[in-house]
């Protein structure tokens, strides 16, 4: 999984550079494996976990969710 995490982080970094917004990549168990906020890596993400169970993408508006 380390190799995947390195590739995921490179992808996250490139996307953030292009769009200017933070993104996270979350595994099937709901844990953040790559993020623009390094302190969040390894933490559980409830909404991401629900999206993984439903096999959907979820966009979260920071203003609506207070982050």
N, C-alpha and C. Protein backbone atom coordinates (compact mmCIF):
# COMPACT_ATOMS: atom_id res chain seq x y z
N UNK A 1 0.81 -1.21 0.00
CA UNK A 1 0.00 0.00 0.00
C UNK A 1 0.85 1.26 0.00
N UNK A 2 2.10 1.18 0.47
CA UNK A 2 2.95 2.37 0.50
C UNK A 2 3.14 2.94 -0.89
N UNK A 3 3.39 2.09 -1.87
CA UNK A 3 3.55 2.57 -3.24
C UNK A 3 2.30 3.29 -3.70
N UNK A 4 1.14 2.71 -3.41
CA UNK A 4 -0.10 3.35 -3.80
C UNK A 4 -0.25 4.70 -3.11
N UNK A 5 0.09 4.76 -1.83
CA UNK A 5 -0.03 6.02 -1.10
C UNK A 5 0.86 7.10 -1.71
N UNK A 6 2.07 6.74 -2.12
CA UNK A 6 2.96 7.70 -2.75
C UNK A 6 2.38 8.19 -4.07
N UNK A 7 1.85 7.28 -4.88
CA UNK A 7 1.24 7.67 -6.14
C UNK A 7 -0.02 8.50 -5.91
N UNK A 8 -0.84 8.10 -4.94
CA UNK A 8 -2.04 8.86 -4.62
C UNK A 8 -1.68 10.28 -4.18
N UNK A 9 -0.64 10.41 -3.36
CA UNK A 9 -0.26 11.74 -2.88
C UNK A 9 0.25 12.60 -4.03
N UNK A 10 1.01 12.03 -4.94
CA UNK A 10 1.46 12.79 -6.11
C UNK A 10 0.27 13.26 -6.94
N UNK A 11 -0.71 12.38 -7.09
CA UNK A 11 -1.92 12.73 -7.83
C UNK A 11 -2.66 13.87 -7.12
N UNK A 12 -2.85 13.74 -5.83
CA UNK A 12 -3.52 14.78 -5.05
C UNK A 12 -2.79 16.11 -5.21
N UNK A 13 -1.48 16.10 -5.08
CA UNK A 13 -0.69 17.34 -5.19
C UNK A 13 -0.88 17.99 -6.56
N UNK A 14 -0.89 17.20 -7.61
CA UNK A 14 -1.06 17.74 -8.96
C UNK A 14 -2.46 18.31 -9.16
N UNK A 15 -3.47 17.59 -8.67
CA UNK A 15 -4.84 18.07 -8.83
C UNK A 15 -5.04 19.37 -8.06
N UNK A 16 -4.54 19.43 -6.83
CA UNK A 16 -4.67 20.65 -6.04
C UNK A 16 -3.99 21.83 -6.74
N UNK A 17 -2.82 21.58 -7.32
CA UNK A 17 -2.11 22.64 -8.04
C UNK A 17 -2.95 23.15 -9.22
N UNK A 18 -3.69 22.25 -9.86
CA UNK A 18 -4.51 22.63 -11.01
C UNK A 18 -5.81 23.32 -10.61
N UNK A 19 -6.48 22.82 -9.58
CA UNK A 19 -7.82 23.35 -9.27
C UNK A 19 -7.84 24.32 -8.10
N UNK A 20 -6.82 24.29 -7.26
CA UNK A 20 -6.77 25.22 -6.15
C UNK A 20 -7.63 24.87 -4.95
N UNK A 21 -8.11 23.65 -4.88
CA UNK A 21 -8.92 23.19 -3.75
C UNK A 21 -8.30 21.93 -3.15
N UNK A 22 -8.50 21.75 -1.86
CA UNK A 22 -8.00 20.54 -1.21
C UNK A 22 -8.85 19.35 -1.63
N UNK A 23 -8.21 18.21 -1.79
CA UNK A 23 -8.93 16.96 -2.04
C UNK A 23 -8.31 15.88 -1.16
N UNK A 24 -9.09 14.83 -0.95
CA UNK A 24 -8.64 13.65 -0.20
C UNK A 24 -8.91 12.42 -1.04
N UNK A 25 -8.06 11.44 -0.91
CA UNK A 25 -8.34 10.11 -1.45
C UNK A 25 -8.55 9.21 -0.25
N UNK A 26 -9.68 8.51 -0.26
CA UNK A 26 -10.10 7.71 0.88
C UNK A 26 -10.23 6.26 0.46
N UNK A 27 -9.71 5.36 1.31
CA UNK A 27 -9.79 3.94 0.97
C UNK A 27 -11.18 3.37 1.26
N UNK A 28 -11.37 2.10 0.95
CA UNK A 28 -12.68 1.46 1.11
C UNK A 28 -13.16 1.40 2.55
N UNK A 29 -12.22 1.50 3.48
CA UNK A 29 -12.59 1.45 4.90
C UNK A 29 -12.85 2.84 5.48
N UNK A 30 -12.71 3.88 4.65
CA UNK A 30 -13.02 5.23 5.08
C UNK A 30 -11.84 6.02 5.62
N UNK A 31 -10.63 5.51 5.44
CA UNK A 31 -9.45 6.21 5.94
C UNK A 31 -8.78 7.02 4.82
N UNK A 32 -8.38 8.24 5.16
CA UNK A 32 -7.73 9.12 4.19
C UNK A 32 -6.32 8.60 3.94
N UNK A 33 -6.01 8.32 2.67
CA UNK A 33 -4.68 7.80 2.31
C UNK A 33 -3.82 8.84 1.61
N UNK A 34 -4.43 9.92 1.13
CA UNK A 34 -3.69 11.02 0.52
C UNK A 34 -4.55 12.28 0.66
N UNK A 35 -3.90 13.42 0.89
CA UNK A 35 -4.65 14.64 1.14
C UNK A 35 -3.77 15.85 0.97
N UNK A 36 -4.39 16.98 0.68
CA UNK A 36 -3.67 18.25 0.69
C UNK A 36 -3.39 18.72 2.10
N UNK A 37 -4.05 18.11 3.07
CA UNK A 37 -3.83 18.39 4.50
C UNK A 37 -3.16 17.17 5.12
N UNK A 38 -1.85 17.18 5.20
CA UNK A 38 -1.11 15.99 5.63
C UNK A 38 -1.52 15.48 7.01
N UNK A 39 -1.99 16.37 7.88
CA UNK A 39 -2.40 15.93 9.21
C UNK A 39 -3.65 15.04 9.18
N UNK A 40 -4.37 15.03 8.07
CA UNK A 40 -5.58 14.20 7.96
C UNK A 40 -5.29 12.79 7.46
N UNK A 41 -4.10 12.55 6.91
CA UNK A 41 -3.76 11.23 6.40
C UNK A 41 -3.79 10.22 7.55
N UNK A 42 -4.51 9.13 7.32
CA UNK A 42 -4.63 8.09 8.32
C UNK A 42 -5.84 8.25 9.22
N UNK A 43 -6.58 9.37 9.06
CA UNK A 43 -7.77 9.58 9.88
C UNK A 43 -9.01 9.07 9.17
N UNK A 44 -10.02 8.76 9.97
CA UNK A 44 -11.28 8.24 9.43
C UNK A 44 -12.12 9.38 8.90
N UNK A 45 -12.78 9.15 7.76
CA UNK A 45 -13.63 10.15 7.12
C UNK A 45 -15.01 9.53 6.91
N UNK A 46 -15.95 9.90 7.77
CA UNK A 46 -17.28 9.28 7.77
C UNK A 46 -17.99 9.41 6.42
N UNK A 47 -18.02 10.60 5.85
CA UNK A 47 -18.71 10.80 4.57
C UNK A 47 -18.00 10.01 3.47
N UNK A 48 -16.68 10.00 3.50
CA UNK A 48 -15.93 9.22 2.52
C UNK A 48 -16.20 7.73 2.65
N UNK A 49 -16.36 7.27 3.88
CA UNK A 49 -16.67 5.86 4.12
C UNK A 49 -18.03 5.52 3.52
N UNK A 50 -19.00 6.38 3.72
CA UNK A 50 -20.34 6.16 3.14
C UNK A 50 -20.26 6.14 1.62
N UNK A 51 -19.50 7.05 1.03
CA UNK A 51 -19.35 7.10 -0.43
C UNK A 51 -18.70 5.82 -0.94
N UNK A 52 -17.70 5.32 -0.21
CA UNK A 52 -17.03 4.08 -0.62
C UNK A 52 -17.99 2.90 -0.58
N UNK A 53 -18.83 2.85 0.46
CA UNK A 53 -19.80 1.75 0.55
C UNK A 53 -20.81 1.81 -0.60
N UNK A 54 -21.15 3.03 -1.03
CA UNK A 54 -22.13 3.20 -2.10
C UNK A 54 -21.47 3.25 -3.48
N UNK A 55 -20.13 3.22 -3.48
CA UNK A 55 -19.34 3.30 -4.72
C UNK A 55 -19.69 4.54 -5.53
N UNK A 56 -19.68 5.68 -4.84
CA UNK A 56 -19.94 6.97 -5.47
C UNK A 56 -18.86 7.97 -5.09
N UNK A 57 -18.80 9.05 -5.82
CA UNK A 57 -17.92 10.16 -5.48
C UNK A 57 -18.75 11.15 -4.68
N UNK A 58 -18.15 11.79 -3.69
CA UNK A 58 -18.86 12.77 -2.89
C UNK A 58 -18.06 14.07 -2.86
N UNK A 59 -18.73 15.16 -3.20
CA UNK A 59 -18.13 16.48 -3.11
C UNK A 59 -18.64 17.13 -1.83
N UNK A 60 -17.73 17.71 -1.05
CA UNK A 60 -18.11 18.34 0.21
C UNK A 60 -17.78 19.82 0.11
N UNK A 61 -18.78 20.64 0.33
CA UNK A 61 -18.62 22.09 0.31
C UNK A 61 -18.15 22.52 1.70
N UNK A 62 -16.96 23.12 1.78
CA UNK A 62 -16.40 23.51 3.07
C UNK A 62 -17.31 24.49 3.81
N UNK A 63 -17.96 25.40 3.10
CA UNK A 63 -18.83 26.36 3.75
C UNK A 63 -20.02 25.68 4.41
N UNK A 64 -20.56 24.65 3.79
CA UNK A 64 -21.71 23.95 4.33
C UNK A 64 -21.34 23.04 5.50
N UNK A 65 -20.09 22.52 5.50
CA UNK A 65 -19.68 21.56 6.50
C UNK A 65 -18.69 22.13 7.51
N UNK A 66 -18.43 23.42 7.43
CA UNK A 66 -17.61 24.09 8.44
C UNK A 66 -16.18 23.62 8.58
N UNK A 67 -15.54 23.24 7.50
CA UNK A 67 -14.13 22.82 7.58
C UNK A 67 -13.26 23.75 6.80
